[in-house]
Amino acid sequence: MSPAIAEGDPLPDGLYFGYLTSADSRNRTVTFDLAQRFVGDAARQAATADGDDQGLDSHERNPSHATRELAVSPGVIVTRVGCCVYEGAPGTFEGLASSFAPDAPEFPSYADDYRGPRARYWLTIHEGTVTRIDEAYHS
């Protein structure tokens, strides 16, 4: 679960779950919508609190759709979900950014290398810069 952080506040060093709404390889930035992800008992409790009591082992909460533009390190590590590789397949920032282009598939599948705005991501922030982007598997 990502910690509660006020809208507009910078993200301190750490690991954050959420959604990318854009990725720009030329300017080396991403636009990030911070969310929360719960697993196990915490997921069931959060789902119940949100009125979505389906008894699942994971639950996402996105109380605000506010976004932040974040700088991306030149040495950023990118992993993706691939066909039959549920997490951790190596990727590139340029490849990820291309999945946000206007000509990218609107409804990508796990057969595609990247899923752009249709995926969920874990971002690692260090000294105000994204140093790692990991696509999260979502069934």
C-alpha atoms as a PDB file:
ATOM      1  CA  MET A   1       0.000   0.000   0.000  1.00  0.00           C
ATOM      2  CA  SER A   2       1.294   3.464  -0.832  1.00  0.00           C
ATOM      3  CA  PRO A   3       1.379   5.907   2.070  1.00  0.00           C
ATOM      4  CA  ALA A   4      -1.154   8.735   2.258  1.00  0.00           C
ATOM      5  CA  ILE A   5       0.387  11.793   0.622  1.00  0.00           C
ATOM      6  CA  ALA A   6      -1.415  15.074   0.099  1.00  0.00           C
ATOM      7  CA  GLU A   7      -2.246  16.115  -3.445  1.00  0.00           C
ATOM      8  CA  GLY A   8       0.548  18.188  -4.924  1.00  0.00           C
ATOM      9  CA  ASP A   9       3.110  17.211  -2.296  1.00  0.00           C
ATOM     10  CA  PRO A  10       6.364  15.861  -3.725  1.00  0.00           C
ATOM     11  CA  LEU A  11       6.843  12.139  -3.337  1.00  0.00           C
ATOM     12  CA  PRO A  12       9.565  11.300  -0.820  1.00  0.00           C
ATOM     13  CA  ASP A  13      12.005   8.495  -1.548  1.00  0.00           C
ATOM     14  CA  GLY A  14      10.153   5.206  -1.695  1.00  0.00           C
ATOM     15  CA  LEU A  15       8.040   2.781  -3.693  1.00  0.00           C
ATOM     16  CA  TYR A  16       4.643   3.925  -5.016  1.00  0.00           C
ATOM     17  CA  PHE A  17       1.746   2.209  -6.753  1.00  0.00           C
ATOM     18  CA  GLY A  18      -0.424   3.899  -9.330  1.00  0.00           C
ATOM     19  CA  TYR A  19      -1.113   4.653 -12.960  1.00  0.00           C
ATOM     20  CA  LEU A  20       0.931   6.375 -15.633  1.00  0.00           C
ATOM     21  CA  THR A  21      -1.065   8.711 -17.839  1.00  0.00           C
ATOM     22  CA  SER A  22       1.900   9.655 -20.030  1.00  0.00           C
ATOM     23  CA  ALA A  23       5.559   8.874 -20.585  1.00  0.00           C
ATOM     24  CA  ASP A  24       7.830  11.158 -22.600  1.00  0.00           C
ATOM     25  CA  SER A  25      11.191   9.742 -23.678  1.00  0.00           C
ATOM     26  CA  ARG A  26      12.410  13.058 -25.134  1.00  0.00           C
ATOM     27  CA  ASN A  27      11.863  15.057 -21.923  1.00  0.00           C
ATOM     28  CA  ARG A  28      12.394  12.000 -19.686  1.00  0.00           C
ATOM     29  CA  THR A  29       9.223  12.489 -17.671  1.00  0.00           C
ATOM     30  CA  VAL A  30       6.182  10.500 -16.642  1.00  0.00           C
ATOM     31  CA  THR A  31       2.819  11.698 -15.423  1.00  0.00           C
ATOM     32  CA  PHE A  32       1.805   9.609 -12.419  1.00  0.00           C
ATOM     33  CA  ASP A  33      -1.548   9.129 -10.674  1.00  0.00           C
ATOM     34  CA  LEU A  34      -0.787   7.878  -7.147  1.00  0.00           C
ATOM     35  CA  ALA A  35      -3.125   5.138  -5.913  1.00  0.00           C
ATOM     36  CA  GLN A  36      -3.175   2.443  -3.234  1.00  0.00           C
ATOM     37  CA  ARG A  37      -3.006  -1.319  -3.593  1.00  0.00           C
ATOM     38  CA  PHE A  38      -3.990  -3.712  -0.829  1.00  0.00           C
ATOM     39  CA  VAL A  39      -3.396  -7.474  -0.670  1.00  0.00           C
ATOM     40  CA  GLY A  40      -4.633 -10.316   1.512  1.00  0.00           C
ATOM     41  CA  ASP A  41      -6.678  -9.424   4.593  1.00  0.00           C
ATOM     42  CA  ALA A  42      -5.997  -5.714   4.054  1.00  0.00           C
ATOM     43  CA  ALA A  43      -7.517  -6.033   0.551  1.00  0.00           C
ATOM     44  CA  ARG A  44     -10.689  -7.602   1.883  1.00  0.00           C
ATOM     45  CA  GLN A  45     -10.988  -4.937   4.606  1.00  0.00           C
ATOM     46  CA  ALA A  46     -10.373  -2.081   2.143  1.00  0.00           C
ATOM     47  CA  ALA A  47     -12.848  -3.557  -0.353  1.00  0.00           C
ATOM     48  CA  THR A  48     -15.502  -3.839   2.351  1.00  0.00           C
ATOM     49  CA  ALA A  49     -14.849  -0.239   3.423  1.00  0.00           C
ATOM     50  CA  ASP A  50     -15.182   0.852  -0.221  1.00  0.00           C
ATOM     51  CA  GLY A  51     -18.453  -1.067  -0.673  1.00  0.00           C
ATOM     52  CA  ASP A  52     -16.873  -3.571  -3.046  1.00  0.00           C
ATOM     53  CA  ASP A  53     -16.892  -6.702  -0.915  1.00  0.00           C
ATOM     54  CA  GLN A  54     -16.044  -9.423  -3.436  1.00  0.00           C
ATOM     55  CA  GLY A  55     -13.637 -11.347  -1.198  1.00  0.00           C
ATOM     56  CA  LEU A  56     -10.693 -10.872  -3.557  1.00  0.00           C
ATOM     57  CA  ASP A  57      -7.058 -11.006  -2.465  1.00  0.00           C
ATOM     58  CA  SER A  58      -6.206  -7.624  -4.001  1.00  0.00           C
ATOM     59  CA  HIS A  59      -7.952  -4.271  -4.071  1.00  0.00           C
ATOM     60  CA  GLU A  60      -7.035  -0.904  -5.561  1.00  0.00           C
ATOM     61  CA  ARG A  61      -8.136   2.463  -4.279  1.00  0.00           C
ATOM     62  CA  ASN A  62      -7.668   5.746  -6.122  1.00  0.00           C
ATOM     63  CA  PRO A  63      -9.360   8.484  -4.103  1.00  0.00           C
ATOM     64  CA  SER A  64      -7.906  11.273  -6.253  1.00  0.00           C
ATOM     65  CA  HIS A  65      -7.071  11.278  -9.935  1.00  0.00           C
ATOM     66  CA  ALA A  66      -4.612  14.139  -9.481  1.00  0.00           C
ATOM     67  CA  THR A  67      -1.367  13.586 -11.354  1.00  0.00           C
ATOM     68  CA  ARG A  68       2.236  14.589 -10.835  1.00  0.00           C
ATOM     69  CA  GLU A  69       4.872  15.056 -13.504  1.00  0.00           C
ATOM     70  CA  LEU A  70       8.040  13.294 -12.413  1.00  0.00           C
ATOM     71  CA  ALA A  71      11.556  13.365 -13.832  1.00  0.00           C
ATOM     72  CA  VAL A  72      12.921  10.005 -14.990  1.00  0.00           C
ATOM     73  CA  SER A  73      16.554   9.068 -14.363  1.00  0.00           C
ATOM     74  CA  PRO A  74      18.718   8.478 -17.447  1.00  0.00           C
ATOM     75  CA  GLY A  75      19.558   5.071 -15.954  1.00  0.00           C
ATOM     76  CA  VAL A  76      15.962   4.126 -15.074  1.00  0.00           C
ATOM     77  CA  ILE A  77      15.295   0.393 -14.795  1.00  0.00           C
ATOM     78  CA  VAL A  78      12.071  -0.662 -16.514  1.00  0.00           C
ATOM     79  CA  THR A  79      10.395  -4.035 -16.165  1.00  0.00           C
ATOM     80  CA  ARG A  80       7.230  -5.170 -17.856  1.00  0.00           C
ATOM     81  CA  VAL A  81       4.732  -7.976 -17.871  1.00  0.00           C
ATOM     82  CA  GLY A  82       4.982 -10.207 -20.903  1.00  0.00           C
ATOM     83  CA  CYS A  83       3.198 -13.206 -22.270  1.00  0.00           C
ATOM     84  CA  CYS A  84       3.883 -15.997 -19.759  1.00  0.00           C
ATOM     85  CA  VAL A  85       6.153 -13.672 -17.698  1.00  0.00           C
ATOM     86  CA  TYR A  86       3.955 -12.234 -15.001  1.00  0.00           C
ATOM     87  CA  GLU A  87       6.423  -9.644 -13.732  1.00  0.00           C
ATOM     88  CA  GLY A  88      10.010  -8.615 -14.218  1.00  0.00           C
ATOM     89  CA  ALA A  89      10.580  -8.997 -17.970  1.00  0.00           C
ATOM     90  CA  PRO A  90      13.271  -6.472 -18.947  1.00  0.00           C
ATOM     91  CA  GLY A  91      12.105  -3.379 -20.766  1.00  0.00           C
ATOM     92  CA  THR A  92      13.243   0.082 -21.805  1.00  0.00           C
ATOM     93  CA  PHE A  93      11.926   3.528 -21.045  1.00  0.00           C
ATOM     94  CA  GLU A  94      11.768   4.300 -24.756  1.00  0.00           C
ATOM     95  CA  GLY A  95       9.630   1.185 -25.349  1.00  0.00           C
ATOM     96  CA  LEU A  96       7.353   2.076 -22.462  1.00  0.00           C
ATOM     97  CA  ALA A  97       7.015   5.672 -23.704  1.00  0.00           C
ATOM     98  CA  SER A  98       6.088   4.429 -27.184  1.00  0.00           C
ATOM     99  CA  SER A  99       3.055   2.661 -25.678  1.00  0.00           C
ATOM    100  CA  PHE A 100       1.633   6.101 -24.829  1.00  0.00           C
ATOM    101  CA  ALA A 101       1.937   7.401 -28.407  1.00  0.00           C
ATOM    102  CA  PRO A 102      -1.259   8.239 -30.314  1.00  0.00           C
ATOM    103  CA  ASP A 103      -0.696   5.295 -32.667  1.00  0.00           C
ATOM    104  CA  ALA A 104      -0.211   2.748 -29.830  1.00  0.00           C
ATOM    105  CA  PRO A 105      -2.834  -0.034 -29.559  1.00  0.00           C
ATOM    106  CA  GLU A 106      -5.921   1.217 -27.720  1.00  0.00           C
ATOM    107  CA  PHE A 107      -6.496  -2.102 -25.947  1.00  0.00           C
ATOM    108  CA  PRO A 108      -3.117  -3.825 -25.632  1.00  0.00           C
ATOM    109  CA  SER A 109      -2.892  -7.369 -24.320  1.00  0.00           C
ATOM    110  CA  TYR A 110      -0.109  -9.293 -22.612  1.00  0.00           C
ATOM    111  CA  ALA A 111       1.019 -10.339 -26.106  1.00  0.00           C
ATOM    112  CA  ASP A 112       2.109  -6.693 -26.577  1.00  0.00           C
ATOM    113  CA  ASP A 113       5.427  -5.608 -25.087  1.00  0.00           C
ATOM    114  CA  TYR A 114       3.899  -2.678 -23.183  1.00  0.00           C
ATOM    115  CA  ARG A 115       0.383  -1.741 -22.092  1.00  0.00           C
ATOM    116  CA  GLY A 116       0.837   2.024 -21.658  1.00  0.00           C
ATOM    117  CA  PRO A 117      -2.018   3.685 -19.758  1.00  0.00           C
ATOM    118  CA  ARG A 118      -3.921   0.375 -19.464  1.00  0.00           C
ATOM    119  CA  ALA A 119      -1.394  -1.003 -16.956  1.00  0.00           C
ATOM    120  CA  ARG A 120      -0.642  -0.392 -13.306  1.00  0.00           C
ATOM    121  CA  TYR A 121       2.877   0.469 -12.177  1.00  0.00           C
ATOM    122  CA  TRP A 122       5.197   0.534  -9.200  1.00  0.00           C
ATOM    123  CA  LEU A 123       7.560   3.526  -9.258  1.00  0.00           C
ATOM    124  CA  THR A 124      10.690   3.854  -7.180  1.00  0.00           C
ATOM    125  CA  ILE A 125      11.558   7.450  -6.352  1.00  0.00           C
ATOM    126  CA  HIS A 126      15.029   8.504  -5.194  1.00  0.00           C
ATOM    127  CA  GLU A 127      15.884  12.162  -4.559  1.00  0.00           C
ATOM    128  CA  GLY A 128      12.807  13.286  -6.498  1.00  0.00           C
ATOM    129  CA  THR A 129      13.580  11.217  -9.598  1.00  0.00           C
ATOM    130  CA  VAL A 130      12.035   7.988 -10.880  1.00  0.00           C
ATOM    131  CA  THR A 131      14.795   5.373 -10.815  1.00  0.00           C
ATOM    132  CA  ARG A 132      12.674   2.289 -11.471  1.00  0.00           C
ATOM    133  CA  ILE A 133       9.350   1.572 -13.209  1.00  0.00           C
ATOM    134  CA  ASP A 134       7.849  -1.887 -12.756  1.00  0.00           C
ATOM    135  CA  GLU A 135       4.642  -2.847 -14.514  1.00  0.00           C
ATOM    136  CA  ALA A 136       2.364  -4.673 -12.073  1.00  0.00           C
ATOM    137  CA  TYR A 137       0.585  -7.823 -13.199  1.00  0.00           C
ATOM    138  CA  HIS A 138      -3.179  -7.429 -13.169  1.00  0.00           C
ATOM    139  CA  SER A 139      -5.521 -10.284 -14.010  1.00  0.00           C
END
